[in-house]
Every structure is written in C-alpha cells, then in structure tokens.
Amino acid sequence: MLKKTMWTKEEIQNITKNARKRGNVLMELMKSSNKKDWVIAEIGVWNSKSTKQILRGCGDIISQYWAVDFWHPSDHPSYRDIITEEWDKLHFYACRLMYWFPQLHVVRMSSLEAAKIFPKKYFDLVFIDADHTYESVTQDIEAWAPLIKEGGLITGHDYNRSHPGVVKAVTGCLGEIIKAPDLVWIKQL
C-alpha cells in the first residue's frame, strides 16, 4: 500500500504544474509522497530518456524500476525506418543503465507478455508510452491496471488530438483523468 494514500485532483495538478517534461511530472509526484520504496513500470522505453531522468532524479526512493519495451521493428510510421540493429542498440543502452541503477530491470518483450510476469497489485506507478493505437493502449491499460496497488497511479503520455487512439482508449478505459504538463495523463486507482 502506498504510504501517501491519495492525492486529490487539485493536489496532483498543483504538484505537477511546473513540470516541463514527462519525467519531471512523475518525479514531482513521487517526491511529494513520503514513500521511499516505489515500484515502477515504464511501458514503452524506446531511447531510455525518461528512464534515465527518473532514476537520476528519484533513484533514492525507487526500489524497483521495470523498463519494458519490445525494441523491435514496427510498422508504425514514426518507427518504420528504424532497422533491427538500431533497436538492438537502444536495448543495449537501456541494459547499460543497469550498471548505474541497480533497481533497474530491463525486459525486452511485448507489454502484454511482460504483464503476465507480475502478480496483481504489485506496482505503485505504471507509465504507458508504447504503441499509440486505440487497440494497443486499451490492451496495455487492461493488462497493467490490475497490477497497480490501491492508491497507485496509472499514467501515460501523448494525451492530445495528435494521438486520438490514446485519448479514446484512456477515456474509454479510465473515465475522467488528470491532464498534466507535456501531454501526460494520470489516474489514481
């Protein structure tokens, strides 16, 4: 159970209002609690920027950080031109971060397969920023939400008109959410 049990919508908005990047939004939330052993999953890691930023800023209060990504060629327009060797390099970079951050666990598999590894109510925070199609975001939310502790946070990125699949899936699965800076969405469970 989270030691800081619940934030109000207004508290979350106030805590995150000055954050500029998605990593800052999550770090501000974690730092605002009195919890010292966060268990986090990041779904969709790509180049590990958020992973590294969050672990640098909050590594002292994170006991486990699970970085999950397929790192595999995709038909998605944004990633279509990335060849297998480049995906391998991105995965290797994420793995190298484990040297500096012992709480980091890198999992190279689909998010749906990775979700099967964990028991229910395992995570304090899950951040979803993988495939942005309606079907994929819906599946990710449905797979990972049961793994979040009561009072925990399910969050994600790219909640805007440019990503209608994200907006439709998040709203359809979670109802009202809190919008934070840098297109981050937040729902406390």
Foldseek 3Di string as FASTA:
>chain_A
DFPPQADDLVRLQVQFAPDAAPLSSVLSVVVVGPAQEFAEEEAACQQVPSVVSNCVRRVRRYQAYEYEEQLAADPPPVRNPPHSVNSVVSLVVLVVVCVVRVRYDYHRDHLLVVLVVADFQQGQEYEYEHDLALVNLLSNCVSCVRNHHQQGKYKYADCDPVRVSNVCNCCVVPNDWRAGHRRMTMDTD
